[in-house]
Amino acid sequence: MKQTIYAETRTPPQGKVSFEEFLEWLDEDTHAEWVDGEVILKMPVSVEHRDVNNYLHFLISAWVARAQRGKAYQPPLLVKFTPPDGKRVAREPDIVVILNSNPGAFTEQYFEGVPDLIVEVVSPRRRNVDRLTKFEEYESAGVPEYWVIDPERQYAEFFQLDESGAYRTRAARRVSIAVACWRGSGWRCAGYGSVRPCGMCWSSWGLCEKRV
């Protein structure tokens, strides 16, 4: 039986608000996003969702720390960016990687710029948001790499921007910092078949040294 982690939620502001008003309303116990003036509360997540997120964050953080290339972050961290279409967005991804070379800037309450990697762990009720809405936002904003991890379906998709600025699915062995094991069951990675249990994908960043 799946358990769900519930957090106390606040009533969001009515109507559209400025980003400054959103920040003033937001507190450290409230998880919410801001899209073109609309405040969107994030729904409670399952224990499995939290476990997968923590596991991936641990692996990614360990690698970037060892390589001294940057840092990996979990919520609460808002990422504010403006895609070419002028849509104003502040999202709270499940995992964000900011490399030392990233030109973005941290403020007291958020990161403004384009992260080097964003990971979203899919919740069943928000699958279309992560796979469609956020996919388009991150792609158009120029996020170099985007992972969509679906624990319920045990399915993972890894996307990298190509030379034209469009996301393309990459084979597991070509994903920058890909991970392909969880709880002893192999992930089915989109476009490139099954990955053996407890084996990590090949990595151009050097995260994985074990080949399966």
C-alpha atoms as a PDB file:
ATOM      1  CA  MET A   1       0.000   0.000   0.000  1.00  0.00           C
ATOM      2  CA  LYS A   2       1.439   3.361  -0.986  1.00  0.00           C
ATOM      3  CA  GLN A   3       1.730   6.038   1.630  1.00  0.00           C
ATOM      4  CA  THR A   4       1.407   9.730   0.919  1.00  0.00           C
ATOM      5  CA  ILE A   5       3.356  12.480   2.632  1.00  0.00           C
ATOM      6  CA  TYR A   6       1.071  15.357   3.480  1.00  0.00           C
ATOM      7  CA  ALA A   7       2.286  18.848   4.199  1.00  0.00           C
ATOM      8  CA  GLU A   8       0.245  21.712   5.560  1.00  0.00           C
ATOM      9  CA  THR A   9      -0.914  23.856   2.665  1.00  0.00           C
ATOM     10  CA  ARG A  10      -1.962  27.482   2.563  1.00  0.00           C
ATOM     11  CA  THR A  11      -4.668  29.096   0.510  1.00  0.00           C
ATOM     12  CA  PRO A  12      -3.043  30.649  -2.574  1.00  0.00           C
ATOM     13  CA  PRO A  13      -3.665  34.310  -3.441  1.00  0.00           C
ATOM     14  CA  GLN A  14      -6.764  34.937  -5.527  1.00  0.00           C
ATOM     15  CA  GLY A  15      -6.243  36.103  -9.102  1.00  0.00           C
ATOM     16  CA  LYS A  16      -2.918  37.015 -10.619  1.00  0.00           C
ATOM     17  CA  VAL A  17      -0.088  38.364  -8.475  1.00  0.00           C
ATOM     18  CA  SER A  18       3.343  39.756  -9.236  1.00  0.00           C
ATOM     19  CA  PHE A  19       6.416  37.634  -8.602  1.00  0.00           C
ATOM     20  CA  GLU A  20       7.300  39.923  -5.678  1.00  0.00           C
ATOM     21  CA  GLU A  21       3.857  39.395  -4.148  1.00  0.00           C
ATOM     22  CA  PHE A  22       4.229  35.645  -4.647  1.00  0.00           C
ATOM     23  CA  LEU A  23       7.554  35.644  -2.792  1.00  0.00           C
ATOM     24  CA  GLU A  24       6.074  37.696   0.030  1.00  0.00           C
ATOM     25  CA  TRP A  25       3.212  35.196   0.386  1.00  0.00           C
ATOM     26  CA  LEU A  26       5.441  32.120   0.131  1.00  0.00           C
ATOM     27  CA  ASP A  27       7.045  30.576   3.213  1.00  0.00           C
ATOM     28  CA  GLU A  28       9.532  27.757   3.723  1.00  0.00           C
ATOM     29  CA  ASP A  29       6.814  25.218   4.509  1.00  0.00           C
ATOM     30  CA  THR A  30       4.767  25.911   1.380  1.00  0.00           C
ATOM     31  CA  HIS A  31       5.651  24.344  -1.964  1.00  0.00           C
ATOM     32  CA  ALA A  32       4.251  26.340  -4.852  1.00  0.00           C
ATOM     33  CA  GLU A  33       5.126  27.543  -8.332  1.00  0.00           C
ATOM     34  CA  TRP A  34       4.378  30.805 -10.147  1.00  0.00           C
ATOM     35  CA  VAL A  35       3.439  30.878 -13.837  1.00  0.00           C
ATOM     36  CA  ASP A  36       2.511  34.171 -15.503  1.00  0.00           C
ATOM     37  CA  GLY A  37       1.052  35.566 -12.297  1.00  0.00           C
ATOM     38  CA  GLU A  38      -0.831  32.413 -11.276  1.00  0.00           C
ATOM     39  CA  VAL A  39       0.135  30.631  -8.043  1.00  0.00           C
ATOM     40  CA  ILE A  40       0.096  26.836  -8.372  1.00  0.00           C
ATOM     41  CA  LEU A  41       0.269  24.791  -5.184  1.00  0.00           C
ATOM     42  CA  LYS A  42       2.240  21.554  -5.429  1.00  0.00           C
ATOM     43  CA  MET A  43       0.319  18.455  -4.383  1.00  0.00           C
ATOM     44  CA  PRO A  44       1.449  16.042  -1.625  1.00  0.00           C
ATOM     45  CA  VAL A  45       3.820  13.329  -2.837  1.00  0.00           C
ATOM     46  CA  SER A  46       3.988   9.633  -2.054  1.00  0.00           C
ATOM     47  CA  VAL A  47       6.705   8.055   0.067  1.00  0.00           C
ATOM     48  CA  GLU A  48       7.950   6.269  -3.063  1.00  0.00           C
ATOM     49  CA  HIS A  49       8.226   9.606  -4.875  1.00  0.00           C
ATOM     50  CA  ARG A  50      10.238  11.045  -1.982  1.00  0.00           C
ATOM     51  CA  ASP A  51      12.463   7.958  -1.758  1.00  0.00           C
ATOM     52  CA  VAL A  52      13.279   8.003  -5.482  1.00  0.00           C
ATOM     53  CA  ASN A  53      13.979  11.719  -5.370  1.00  0.00           C
ATOM     54  CA  ASN A  54      16.268  11.422  -2.349  1.00  0.00           C
ATOM     55  CA  TYR A  55      18.115   8.493  -3.900  1.00  0.00           C
ATOM     56  CA  LEU A  56      18.790  10.296  -7.170  1.00  0.00           C
ATOM     57  CA  HIS A  57      19.760  13.483  -5.350  1.00  0.00           C
ATOM     58  CA  PHE A  58      22.237  11.532  -3.220  1.00  0.00           C
ATOM     59  CA  LEU A  59      23.911   9.999  -6.283  1.00  0.00           C
ATOM     60  CA  ILE A  60      24.039  13.220  -8.292  1.00  0.00           C
ATOM     61  CA  SER A  61      25.214  15.290  -5.318  1.00  0.00           C
ATOM     62  CA  ALA A  62      27.982  12.809  -4.563  1.00  0.00           C
ATOM     63  CA  TRP A  63      29.276  13.003  -8.109  1.00  0.00           C
ATOM     64  CA  VAL A  64      29.207  16.774  -8.547  1.00  0.00           C
ATOM     65  CA  ALA A  65      30.814  17.191  -5.111  1.00  0.00           C
ATOM     66  CA  ARG A  66      33.581  14.737  -5.935  1.00  0.00           C
ATOM     67  CA  ALA A  67      34.202  16.369  -9.284  1.00  0.00           C
ATOM     68  CA  GLN A  68      33.882  19.865  -7.758  1.00  0.00           C
ATOM     69  CA  ARG A  69      31.791  20.919 -10.751  1.00  0.00           C
ATOM     70  CA  GLY A  70      28.828  22.461  -8.979  1.00  0.00           C
ATOM     71  CA  LYS A  71      25.932  21.515  -6.694  1.00  0.00           C
ATOM     72  CA  ALA A  72      22.658  19.622  -6.815  1.00  0.00           C
ATOM     73  CA  TYR A  73      19.597  21.007  -5.050  1.00  0.00           C
ATOM     74  CA  GLN A  74      16.228  19.741  -3.865  1.00  0.00           C
ATOM     75  CA  PRO A  75      13.127  21.724  -2.873  1.00  0.00           C
ATOM     76  CA  PRO A  76      12.664  24.274  -1.618  1.00  0.00           C
ATOM     77  CA  LEU A  77      14.483  26.011  -4.468  1.00  0.00           C
ATOM     78  CA  LEU A  78      12.599  28.105  -6.983  1.00  0.00           C
ATOM     79  CA  VAL A  79      14.058  28.445 -10.467  1.00  0.00           C
ATOM     80  CA  LYS A  80      12.969  31.623 -12.275  1.00  0.00           C
ATOM     81  CA  PHE A  81      13.361  31.953 -16.028  1.00  0.00           C
ATOM     82  CA  THR A  82      11.644  33.516 -19.023  1.00  0.00           C
ATOM     83  CA  PRO A  83      11.267  31.401 -22.200  1.00  0.00           C
ATOM     84  CA  PRO A  84      11.476  33.132 -25.599  1.00  0.00           C
ATOM     85  CA  ASP A  85       7.683  33.415 -25.786  1.00  0.00           C
ATOM     86  CA  GLY A  86       7.765  35.838 -22.843  1.00  0.00           C
ATOM     87  CA  LYS A  87       6.032  33.474 -20.417  1.00  0.00           C
ATOM     88  CA  ARG A  88       7.233  34.267 -16.894  1.00  0.00           C
ATOM     89  CA  VAL A  89       7.940  31.137 -14.884  1.00  0.00           C
ATOM     90  CA  ALA A  90       9.190  30.154 -11.430  1.00  0.00           C
ATOM     91  CA  ARG A  91       9.245  26.385 -11.024  1.00  0.00           C
ATOM     92  CA  GLU A  92      10.324  24.169  -8.120  1.00  0.00           C
ATOM     93  CA  PRO A  93      11.881  21.085  -9.756  1.00  0.00           C
ATOM     94  CA  ASP A  94      12.561  17.902  -7.803  1.00  0.00           C
ATOM     95  CA  ILE A  95      16.296  18.126  -8.518  1.00  0.00           C
ATOM     96  CA  VAL A  96      18.320  20.981  -9.987  1.00  0.00           C
ATOM     97  CA  VAL A  97      22.001  20.875 -10.928  1.00  0.00           C
ATOM     98  CA  ILE A  98      23.913  24.150 -11.188  1.00  0.00           C
ATOM     99  CA  LEU A  99      27.462  23.858 -12.492  1.00  0.00           C
ATOM    100  CA  ASN A 100      30.201  26.265 -11.470  1.00  0.00           C
ATOM    101  CA  SER A 101      30.279  27.645 -15.009  1.00  0.00           C
ATOM    102  CA  ASN A 102      26.561  28.504 -15.016  1.00  0.00           C
ATOM    103  CA  PRO A 103      25.994  32.238 -15.650  1.00  0.00           C
ATOM    104  CA  GLY A 104      22.792  32.343 -13.569  1.00  0.00           C
ATOM    105  CA  ALA A 105      22.598  33.939 -10.145  1.00  0.00           C
ATOM    106  CA  PHE A 106      21.227  32.995  -6.730  1.00  0.00           C
ATOM    107  CA  THR A 107      19.169  35.485  -4.785  1.00  0.00           C
ATOM    108  CA  GLU A 108      18.048  35.051  -1.194  1.00  0.00           C
ATOM    109  CA  GLN A 109      14.892  33.193  -2.260  1.00  0.00           C
ATOM    110  CA  TYR A 110      15.468  31.735  -5.720  1.00  0.00           C
ATOM    111  CA  PHE A 111      17.835  30.966  -8.597  1.00  0.00           C
ATOM    112  CA  GLU A 112      17.433  33.130 -11.668  1.00  0.00           C
ATOM    113  CA  GLY A 113      18.700  31.531 -14.835  1.00  0.00           C
ATOM    114  CA  VAL A 114      18.785  28.227 -16.682  1.00  0.00           C
ATOM    115  CA  PRO A 115      20.012  25.169 -14.700  1.00  0.00           C
ATOM    116  CA  ASP A 116      22.333  22.638 -16.325  1.00  0.00           C
ATOM    117  CA  LEU A 117      20.081  19.712 -15.415  1.00  0.00           C
ATOM    118  CA  ILE A 118      16.508  19.461 -14.169  1.00  0.00           C
ATOM    119  CA  VAL A 119      14.973  16.227 -12.881  1.00  0.00           C
ATOM    120  CA  GLU A 120      11.239  15.798 -12.320  1.00  0.00           C
ATOM    121  CA  VAL A 121       9.964  12.714 -10.489  1.00  0.00           C
ATOM    122  CA  VAL A 122       6.486  12.174 -11.889  1.00  0.00           C
ATOM    123  CA  SER A 123       3.366  12.009  -9.745  1.00  0.00           C
ATOM    124  CA  PRO A 124       0.420  10.263 -11.442  1.00  0.00           C
ATOM    125  CA  ARG A 125      -1.868  13.298 -11.177  1.00  0.00           C
ATOM    126  CA  ARG A 126       0.731  15.618 -12.705  1.00  0.00           C
ATOM    127  CA  ARG A 127       2.207  13.350 -15.362  1.00  0.00           C
ATOM    128  CA  ASN A 128       1.079  15.595 -18.231  1.00  0.00           C
ATOM    129  CA  VAL A 129       2.511  18.687 -16.533  1.00  0.00           C
ATOM    130  CA  ASP A 130       5.980  17.162 -16.212  1.00  0.00           C
ATOM    131  CA  ARG A 131       5.955  15.422 -19.585  1.00  0.00           C
ATOM    132  CA  LEU A 132       4.307  18.149 -21.674  1.00  0.00           C
ATOM    133  CA  THR A 133       4.059  21.580 -20.032  1.00  0.00           C
ATOM    134  CA  LYS A 134       7.396  21.601 -18.238  1.00  0.00           C
ATOM    135  CA  PHE A 135       9.054  19.764 -21.126  1.00  0.00           C
ATOM    136  CA  GLU A 136       8.147  22.664 -23.432  1.00  0.00           C
ATOM    137  CA  GLU A 137       9.169  25.302 -20.883  1.00  0.00           C
ATOM    138  CA  TYR A 138      12.557  23.762 -20.152  1.00  0.00           C
ATOM    139  CA  GLU A 139      13.253  23.070 -23.814  1.00  0.00           C
ATOM    140  CA  SER A 140      12.426  26.600 -24.963  1.00  0.00           C
ATOM    141  CA  ALA A 141      14.339  28.144 -22.052  1.00  0.00           C
ATOM    142  CA  GLY A 142      17.450  26.175 -23.060  1.00  0.00           C
ATOM    143  CA  VAL A 143      17.860  23.765 -20.124  1.00  0.00           C
ATOM    144  CA  PRO A 144      20.578  21.485 -21.565  1.00  0.00           C
ATOM    145  CA  GLU A 145      19.295  18.272 -20.015  1.00  0.00           C
ATOM    146  CA  TYR A 146      15.943  17.140 -18.619  1.00  0.00           C
ATOM    147  CA  TRP A 147      15.072  13.824 -16.960  1.00  0.00           C
ATOM    148  CA  VAL A 148      11.514  12.576 -16.414  1.00  0.00           C
ATOM    149  CA  ILE A 149      11.439   9.758 -13.835  1.00  0.00           C
ATOM    150  CA  ASP A 150       8.189   7.839 -13.401  1.00  0.00           C
ATOM    151  CA  PRO A 151       8.343   5.535 -10.325  1.00  0.00           C
ATOM    152  CA  GLU A 152       4.829   4.165 -10.783  1.00  0.00           C
ATOM    153  CA  ARG A 153       5.578   2.970 -14.332  1.00  0.00           C
ATOM    154  CA  GLN A 154       9.262   2.287 -13.603  1.00  0.00           C
ATOM    155  CA  TYR A 155      10.038   4.284 -16.698  1.00  0.00           C
ATOM    156  CA  ALA A 156      12.650   6.980 -17.275  1.00  0.00           C
ATOM    157  CA  GLU A 157      13.184   9.395 -20.147  1.00  0.00           C
ATOM    158  CA  PHE A 158      16.386  11.388 -20.630  1.00  0.00           C
ATOM    159  CA  PHE A 159      16.465  14.405 -22.927  1.00  0.00           C
ATOM    160  CA  GLN A 160      19.320  16.585 -24.149  1.00  0.00           C
ATOM    161  CA  LEU A 161      19.183  19.664 -26.338  1.00  0.00           C
ATOM    162  CA  ASP A 162      20.504  19.149 -29.845  1.00  0.00           C
ATOM    163  CA  GLU A 163      22.209  21.757 -32.014  1.00  0.00           C
ATOM    164  CA  SER A 164      18.846  23.159 -33.106  1.00  0.00           C
ATOM    165  CA  GLY A 165      17.726  23.709 -29.516  1.00  0.00           C
ATOM    166  CA  ALA A 166      15.217  20.834 -29.501  1.00  0.00           C
ATOM    167  CA  TYR A 167      15.141  17.993 -26.983  1.00  0.00           C
ATOM    168  CA  ARG A 168      16.162  14.593 -28.262  1.00  0.00           C
ATOM    169  CA  THR A 169      15.963  11.301 -26.380  1.00  0.00           C
ATOM    170  CA  ARG A 170      19.445   9.998 -25.691  1.00  0.00           C
ATOM    171  CA  ALA A 171      20.566   6.410 -25.195  1.00  0.00           C
ATOM    172  CA  ALA A 172      21.321   5.661 -21.551  1.00  0.00           C
ATOM    173  CA  ARG A 173      25.004   5.291 -22.259  1.00  0.00           C
ATOM    174  CA  ARG A 174      25.075   8.827 -23.679  1.00  0.00           C
ATOM    175  CA  VAL A 175      23.185  10.665 -20.923  1.00  0.00           C
ATOM    176  CA  SER A 176      25.445  13.023 -19.010  1.00  0.00           C
ATOM    177  CA  ILE A 177      24.780  11.772 -15.496  1.00  0.00           C
ATOM    178  CA  ALA A 178      22.193   9.034 -15.908  1.00  0.00           C
ATOM    179  CA  VAL A 179      21.198   6.504 -13.302  1.00  0.00           C
ATOM    180  CA  ALA A 180      19.340   3.331 -14.183  1.00  0.00           C
ATOM    181  CA  CYS A 181      18.684   1.321 -11.056  1.00  0.00           C
ATOM    182  CA  TRP A 182      16.196   1.522  -8.244  1.00  0.00           C
ATOM    183  CA  ARG A 183      15.215  -1.036  -5.615  1.00  0.00           C
ATOM    184  CA  GLY A 184      16.754  -3.868  -7.581  1.00  0.00           C
ATOM    185  CA  SER A 185      14.517  -3.388 -10.617  1.00  0.00           C
ATOM    186  CA  GLY A 186      15.839  -2.235 -13.953  1.00  0.00           C
ATOM    187  CA  TRP A 187      14.405   0.946 -15.380  1.00  0.00           C
ATOM    188  CA  ARG A 188      13.017   0.785 -18.907  1.00  0.00           C
ATOM    189  CA  CYS A 189      14.662   3.743 -20.591  1.00  0.00           C
ATOM    190  CA  ALA A 190      12.735   5.276 -23.476  1.00  0.00           C
ATOM    191  CA  GLY A 191      14.121   4.444 -26.869  1.00  0.00           C
ATOM    192  CA  TYR A 192      16.893   2.147 -25.800  1.00  0.00           C
ATOM    193  CA  GLY A 193      15.426  -0.939 -24.171  1.00  0.00           C
ATOM    194  CA  SER A 194      15.969  -2.455 -20.764  1.00  0.00           C
ATOM    195  CA  VAL A 195      18.775  -1.722 -18.364  1.00  0.00           C
ATOM    196  CA  ARG A 196      19.989  -4.477 -16.112  1.00  0.00           C
ATOM    197  CA  PRO A 197      19.120  -4.291 -12.406  1.00  0.00           C
ATOM    198  CA  CYS A 198      21.537  -2.439 -10.136  1.00  0.00           C
ATOM    199  CA  GLY A 199      23.683  -1.196 -12.988  1.00  0.00           C
ATOM    200  CA  MET A 200      24.306   2.463 -13.662  1.00  0.00           C
ATOM    201  CA  CYS A 201      24.225   3.894 -17.138  1.00  0.00           C
ATOM    202  CA  TRP A 202      27.354   4.954 -18.992  1.00  0.00           C
ATOM    203  CA  SER A 203      28.162   8.567 -18.329  1.00  0.00           C
ATOM    204  CA  SER A 204      30.023  11.158 -20.325  1.00  0.00           C
ATOM    205  CA  TRP A 205      30.438  13.094 -17.073  1.00  0.00           C
ATOM    206  CA  GLY A 206      32.107  10.127 -15.403  1.00  0.00           C
ATOM    207  CA  LEU A 207      29.469   9.430 -12.733  1.00  0.00           C
ATOM    208  CA  CYS A 208      29.319   5.733 -13.524  1.00  0.00           C
ATOM    209  CA  GLU A 209      32.303   3.470 -13.802  1.00  0.00           C
ATOM    210  CA  LYS A 210      30.494   0.138 -13.677  1.00  0.00           C
ATOM    211  CA  ARG A 211      29.262  -1.253 -16.985  1.00  0.00           C
ATOM    212  CA  VAL A 212      26.566  -3.900 -17.157  1.00  0.00           C
END
